[in-house]
PDB file of N, CA and C in Angstrom:
ATOM      1  N   MET A   1      83.777  84.937 115.566  1.00  0.00           N
ATOM      2  CA  MET A   1      85.015  85.555 115.134  1.00  0.00           C
ATOM      3  C   MET A   1      86.045  85.405 116.258  1.00  0.00           C
ATOM      4  N   ASN A   2      87.242  85.100 115.902  1.00  0.00           N
ATOM      5  CA  ASN A   2      88.329  84.946 116.858  1.00  0.00           C
ATOM      6  C   ASN A   2      88.731  86.305 117.429  1.00  0.00           C
ATOM      7  N   ALA A   3      88.717  86.450 118.742  1.00  0.00           N
ATOM      8  CA  ALA A   3      89.018  87.729 119.389  1.00  0.00           C
ATOM      9  C   ALA A   3      90.511  88.009 119.452  1.00  0.00           C
ATOM     10  N   ASN A   4      91.338  87.089 118.994  1.00  0.00           N
ATOM     11  CA  ASN A   4      92.787  87.277 119.066  1.00  0.00           C
ATOM     12  C   ASN A   4      93.386  87.852 117.793  1.00  0.00           C
ATOM     13  N   HIS A   5      92.573  88.431 116.939  1.00  0.00           N
ATOM     14  CA  HIS A   5      93.096  89.038 115.713  1.00  0.00           C
ATOM     15  C   HIS A   5      93.954  90.245 116.034  1.00  0.00           C
ATOM     16  N   LYS A   6      94.969  90.450 115.237  1.00  0.00           N
ATOM     17  CA  LYS A   6      95.784  91.657 115.367  1.00  0.00           C
ATOM     18  C   LYS A   6      95.105  92.794 114.609  1.00  0.00           C
ATOM     19  N   THR A   7      95.386  94.006 115.036  1.00  0.00           N
ATOM     20  CA  THR A   7      94.838  95.177 114.369  1.00  0.00           C
ATOM     21  C   THR A   7      95.472  95.315 112.991  1.00  0.00           C
ATOM     22  N   ILE A   8      94.648  95.609 112.006  1.00  0.00           N
ATOM     23  CA  ILE A   8      95.118  95.810 110.637  1.00  0.00           C
ATOM     24  C   ILE A   8      94.905  97.275 110.280  1.00  0.00           C
ATOM     25  N   PHE A   9      95.931  97.907 109.752  1.00  0.00           N
ATOM     26  CA  PHE A   9      95.837  99.291 109.308  1.00  0.00           C
ATOM     27  C   PHE A   9      95.866  99.314 107.785  1.00  0.00           C
ATOM     28  N   ILE A  10      94.890  99.996 107.192  1.00  0.00           N
ATOM     29  CA  ILE A  10      94.802 100.133 105.743  1.00  0.00           C
ATOM     30  C   ILE A  10      94.701 101.622 105.443  1.00  0.00           C
ATOM     31  N   ALA A  11      95.486 102.106 104.492  1.00  0.00           N
ATOM     32  CA  ALA A  11      95.464 103.530 104.149  1.00  0.00           C
ATOM     33  C   ALA A  11      95.315 103.700 102.640  1.00  0.00           C
ATOM     34  N   PHE A  12      94.558 104.706 102.251  1.00  0.00           N
ATOM     35  CA  PHE A  12      94.409 105.073 100.852  1.00  0.00           C
ATOM     36  C   PHE A  12      94.851 106.517 100.726  1.00  0.00           C
ATOM     37  N   SER A  13      95.738 106.783  99.785  1.00  0.00           N
ATOM     38  CA  SER A  13      96.227 108.150  99.653  1.00  0.00           C
ATOM     39  C   SER A  13      96.521 108.475  98.194  1.00  0.00           C
ATOM     40  N   SER A  14      96.485 109.747  97.905  1.00  0.00           N
ATOM     41  CA  SER A  14      96.855 110.278  96.600  1.00  0.00           C
ATOM     42  C   SER A  14      97.101 111.768  96.789  1.00  0.00           C
ATOM     43  N   GLN A  15      98.067 112.295  96.085  1.00  0.00           N
ATOM     44  CA  GLN A  15      98.331 113.729  96.189  1.00  0.00           C
ATOM     45  C   GLN A  15      97.301 114.540  95.410  1.00  0.00           C
ATOM     46  N   LYS A  16      96.653 113.909  94.447  1.00  0.00           N
ATOM     47  CA  LYS A  16      95.655 114.604  93.648  1.00  0.00           C
ATOM     48  C   LYS A  16      94.304 114.535  94.348  1.00  0.00           C
ATOM     49  N   GLY A  17      93.581 115.597  94.310  1.00  0.00           N
ATOM     50  CA  GLY A  17      92.244 115.627  94.890  1.00  0.00           C
ATOM     51  C   GLY A  17      91.209 115.123  93.898  1.00  0.00           C
ATOM     52  N   GLY A  18      90.077 114.687  94.418  1.00  0.00           N
ATOM     53  CA  GLY A  18      88.968 114.292  93.558  1.00  0.00           C
ATOM     54  C   GLY A  18      89.118 112.949  92.882  1.00  0.00           C
ATOM     55  N   VAL A  19      89.958 112.057  93.424  1.00  0.00           N
ATOM     56  CA  VAL A  19      90.151 110.742  92.797  1.00  0.00           C
ATOM     57  C   VAL A  19      89.297 109.658  93.444  1.00  0.00           C
ATOM     58  N   GLY A  20      88.514 109.994  94.466  1.00  0.00           N
ATOM     59  CA  GLY A  20      87.601 109.039  95.074  1.00  0.00           C
ATOM     60  C   GLY A  20      88.117 108.351  96.318  1.00  0.00           C
ATOM     61  N   LYS A  21      89.083 108.947  96.996  1.00  0.00           N
ATOM     62  CA  LYS A  21      89.637 108.325  98.209  1.00  0.00           C
ATOM     63  C   LYS A  21      88.570 108.149  99.283  1.00  0.00           C
ATOM     64  N   SER A  22      87.787 109.167  99.539  1.00  0.00           N
ATOM     65  CA  SER A  22      86.761 109.082 100.584  1.00  0.00           C
ATOM     66  C   SER A  22      85.674 108.096 100.205  1.00  0.00           C
ATOM     67  N   THR A  23      85.253 108.104  98.958  1.00  0.00           N
ATOM     68  CA  THR A  23      84.226 107.166  98.503  1.00  0.00           C
ATOM     69  C   THR A  23      84.732 105.736  98.601  1.00  0.00           C
ATOM     70  N   PHE A  24      85.949 105.485  98.132  1.00  0.00           N
ATOM     71  CA  PHE A  24      86.527 104.145  98.186  1.00  0.00           C
ATOM     72  C   PHE A  24      86.700 103.686  99.627  1.00  0.00           C
ATOM     73  N   THR A  25      87.160 104.588 100.500  1.00  0.00           N
ATOM     74  CA  THR A  25      87.333 104.262 101.915  1.00  0.00           C
ATOM     75  C   THR A  25      86.006 103.873 102.540  1.00  0.00           C
ATOM     76  N   THR A  26      84.948 104.612 102.241  1.00  0.00           N
ATOM     77  CA  THR A  26      83.620 104.319 102.775  1.00  0.00           C
ATOM     78  C   THR A  26      83.116 102.965 102.292  1.00  0.00           C
ATOM     79  N   LEU A  27      83.305 102.672 101.028  1.00  0.00           N
ATOM     80  CA  LEU A  27      82.854 101.392 100.479  1.00  0.00           C
ATOM     81  C   LEU A  27      83.614 100.220 101.097  1.00  0.00           C
ATOM     82  N   ILE A  28      84.927 100.345 101.238  1.00  0.00           N
ATOM     83  CA  ILE A  28      85.729  99.273 101.825  1.00  0.00           C
ATOM     84  C   ILE A  28      85.359  99.081 103.299  1.00  0.00           C
ATOM     85  N   ALA A  29      85.205 100.182 104.046  1.00  0.00           N
ATOM     86  CA  ALA A  29      84.847 100.082 105.467  1.00  0.00           C
ATOM     87  C   ALA A  29      83.471  99.435 105.635  1.00  0.00           C
ATOM     88  N   SER A  30      82.510  99.803 104.804  1.00  0.00           N
ATOM     89  CA  SER A  30      81.170  99.209 104.877  1.00  0.00           C
ATOM     90  C   SER A  30      81.215  97.724 104.562  1.00  0.00           C
ATOM     91  N   THR A  31      81.967  97.346 103.538  1.00  0.00           N
ATOM     92  CA  THR A  31      82.098  95.932 103.174  1.00  0.00           C
ATOM     93  C   THR A  31      82.751  95.148 104.295  1.00  0.00           C
ATOM     94  N   MET A  32      83.817  95.684 104.865  1.00  0.00           N
ATOM     95  CA  MET A  32      84.514  94.985 105.943  1.00  0.00           C
ATOM     96  C   MET A  32      83.617  94.819 107.170  1.00  0.00           C
ATOM     97  N   HIS A  33      82.789  95.812 107.453  1.00  0.00           N
ATOM     98  CA  HIS A  33      81.928  95.740 108.634  1.00  0.00           C
ATOM     99  C   HIS A  33      80.688  94.886 108.391  1.00  0.00           C
ATOM    100  N   TYR A  34      79.910  95.232 107.367  1.00  0.00           N
ATOM    101  CA  TYR A  34      78.612  94.594 107.163  1.00  0.00           C
ATOM    102  C   TYR A  34      78.699  93.193 106.555  1.00  0.00           C
ATOM    103  N   ARG A  35      79.675  92.953 105.698  1.00  0.00           N
ATOM    104  CA  ARG A  35      79.767  91.645 105.044  1.00  0.00           C
ATOM    105  C   ARG A  35      80.765  90.707 105.704  1.00  0.00           C
ATOM    106  N   LEU A  36      81.878  91.266 106.225  1.00  0.00           N
ATOM    107  CA  LEU A  36      82.921  90.410 106.790  1.00  0.00           C
ATOM    108  C   LEU A  36      82.899  90.371 108.312  1.00  0.00           C
ATOM    109  N   GLY A  37      82.134  91.280 108.940  1.00  0.00           N
ATOM    110  CA  GLY A  37      81.968  91.263 110.385  1.00  0.00           C
ATOM    111  C   GLY A  37      83.086  91.881 111.198  1.00  0.00           C
ATOM    112  N   TYR A  38      83.936  92.664 110.576  1.00  0.00           N
ATOM    113  CA  TYR A  38      85.029  93.316 111.298  1.00  0.00           C
ATOM    114  C   TYR A  38      84.534  94.576 112.006  1.00  0.00           C
ATOM    115  N   ASN A  39      85.145  94.907 113.134  1.00  0.00           N
ATOM    116  CA  ASN A  39      84.946  96.215 113.748  1.00  0.00           C
ATOM    117  C   ASN A  39      85.872  97.178 113.014  1.00  0.00           C
ATOM    118  N   VAL A  40      85.323  98.279 112.548  1.00  0.00           N
ATOM    119  CA  VAL A  40      86.073  99.192 111.688  1.00  0.00           C
ATOM    120  C   VAL A  40      86.059 100.592 112.279  1.00  0.00           C
ATOM    121  N   ALA A  41      87.202 101.239 112.273  1.00  0.00           N
ATOM    122  CA  ALA A  41      87.309 102.661 112.623  1.00  0.00           C
ATOM    123  C   ALA A  41      87.940 103.373 111.433  1.00  0.00           C
ATOM    124  N   VAL A  42      87.343 104.491 111.023  1.00  0.00           N
ATOM    125  CA  VAL A  42      87.842 105.246 109.885  1.00  0.00           C
ATOM    126  C   VAL A  42      88.254 106.624 110.366  1.00  0.00           C
ATOM    127  N   PHE A  43      89.453 107.035 109.985  1.00  0.00           N
ATOM    128  CA  PHE A  43      89.962 108.361 110.315  1.00  0.00           C
ATOM    129  C   PHE A  43      90.148 109.129 109.018  1.00  0.00           C
ATOM    130  N   ASP A  44      89.523 110.285 108.946  1.00  0.00           N
ATOM    131  CA  ASP A  44      89.610 111.124 107.747  1.00  0.00           C
ATOM    132  C   ASP A  44      90.599 112.248 108.012  1.00  0.00           C
ATOM    133  N   ALA A  45      91.738 112.221 107.332  1.00  0.00           N
ATOM    134  CA  ALA A  45      92.772 113.242 107.526  1.00  0.00           C
ATOM    135  C   ALA A  45      92.482 114.501 106.711  1.00  0.00           C
ATOM    136  N   ASP A  46      91.482 114.473 105.846  1.00  0.00           N
ATOM    137  CA  ASP A  46      91.116 115.628 105.030  1.00  0.00           C
ATOM    138  C   ASP A  46      89.970 116.367 105.717  1.00  0.00           C
ATOM    139  N   PHE A  47      90.252 116.869 106.915  1.00  0.00           N
ATOM    140  CA  PHE A  47      89.230 117.404 107.802  1.00  0.00           C
ATOM    141  C   PHE A  47      88.323 118.468 107.178  1.00  0.00           C
ATOM    142  N   PRO A  48      88.832 119.454 106.456  1.00  0.00           N
ATOM    143  CA  PRO A  48      87.921 120.502 105.959  1.00  0.00           C
ATOM    144  C   PRO A  48      86.837 120.001 105.007  1.00  0.00           C
ATOM    145  N   GLN A  49      87.041 118.848 104.388  1.00  0.00           N
ATOM    146  CA  GLN A  49      86.076 118.354 103.412  1.00  0.00           C
ATOM    147  C   GLN A  49      84.843 117.729 104.056  1.00  0.00           C
ATOM    148  N   HIS A  50      84.997 117.055 105.170  1.00  0.00           N
ATOM    149  CA  HIS A  50      83.900 116.366 105.866  1.00  0.00           C
ATOM    150  C   HIS A  50      83.218 115.334 104.974  1.00  0.00           C
ATOM    151  N   SER A  51      83.914 114.781 103.998  1.00  0.00           N
ATOM    152  CA  SER A  51      83.310 113.844 103.051  1.00  0.00           C
ATOM    153  C   SER A  51      82.804 112.578 103.727  1.00  0.00           C
ATOM    154  N   LEU A  52      83.605 112.015 104.612  1.00  0.00           N
ATOM    155  CA  LEU A  52      83.201 110.758 105.240  1.00  0.00           C
ATOM    156  C   LEU A  52      81.999 110.942 106.153  1.00  0.00           C
ATOM    157  N   MET A  53      81.905 112.052 106.846  1.00  0.00           N
ATOM    158  CA  MET A  53      80.747 112.294 107.710  1.00  0.00           C
ATOM    159  C   MET A  53      79.471 112.444 106.882  1.00  0.00           C
ATOM    160  N   LYS A  54      79.571 113.096 105.734  1.00  0.00           N
ATOM    161  CA  LYS A  54      78.403 113.236 104.861  1.00  0.00           C
ATOM    162  C   LYS A  54      77.960 111.877 104.336  1.00  0.00           C
ATOM    163  N   MET A  55      78.913 111.029 103.959  1.00  0.00           N
ATOM    164  CA  MET A  55      78.571 109.703 103.443  1.00  0.00           C
ATOM    165  C   MET A  55      78.004 108.815 104.552  1.00  0.00           C
ATOM    166  N   LYS A  56      78.521 108.944 105.762  1.00  0.00           N
ATOM    167  CA  LYS A  56      78.024 108.134 106.886  1.00  0.00           C
ATOM    168  C   LYS A  56      76.581 108.510 107.200  1.00  0.00           C
ATOM    169  N   SER A  57      76.282 109.804 107.259  1.00  0.00           N
ATOM    170  CA  SER A  57      74.909 110.215 107.564  1.00  0.00           C
ATOM    171  C   SER A  57      73.954 109.790 106.467  1.00  0.00           C
ATOM    172  N   ARG A  58      74.417 109.773 105.218  1.00  0.00           N
ATOM    173  CA  ARG A  58      73.590 109.315 104.100  1.00  0.00           C
ATOM    174  C   ARG A  58      73.352 107.810 104.212  1.00  0.00           C
ATOM    175  N   ASP A  59      74.386 107.058 104.676  1.00  0.00           N
ATOM    176  CA  ASP A  59      74.285 105.605 104.813  1.00  0.00           C
ATOM    177  C   ASP A  59      73.279 105.227 105.897  1.00  0.00           C
ATOM    178  N   LEU A  60      73.215 106.022 106.977  1.00  0.00           N
ATOM    179  CA  LEU A  60      72.292 105.726 108.075  1.00  0.00           C
ATOM    180  C   LEU A  60      70.861 105.957 107.634  1.00  0.00           C
TER     181      LEU A  60
END
């Protein structure tokens, strides 16, 4: 992989809750990391839910 890639920012948002933002984010991040070989960092702005941490521990 070329080390000169620029950082790419991708965001998923919706004002309505329960539409699958955390699930979709987890699936896209996993695909980008495991299949495409990208280094991925995910930031969850919906802190009280802890959805991404629960999905990550389940994935491990």
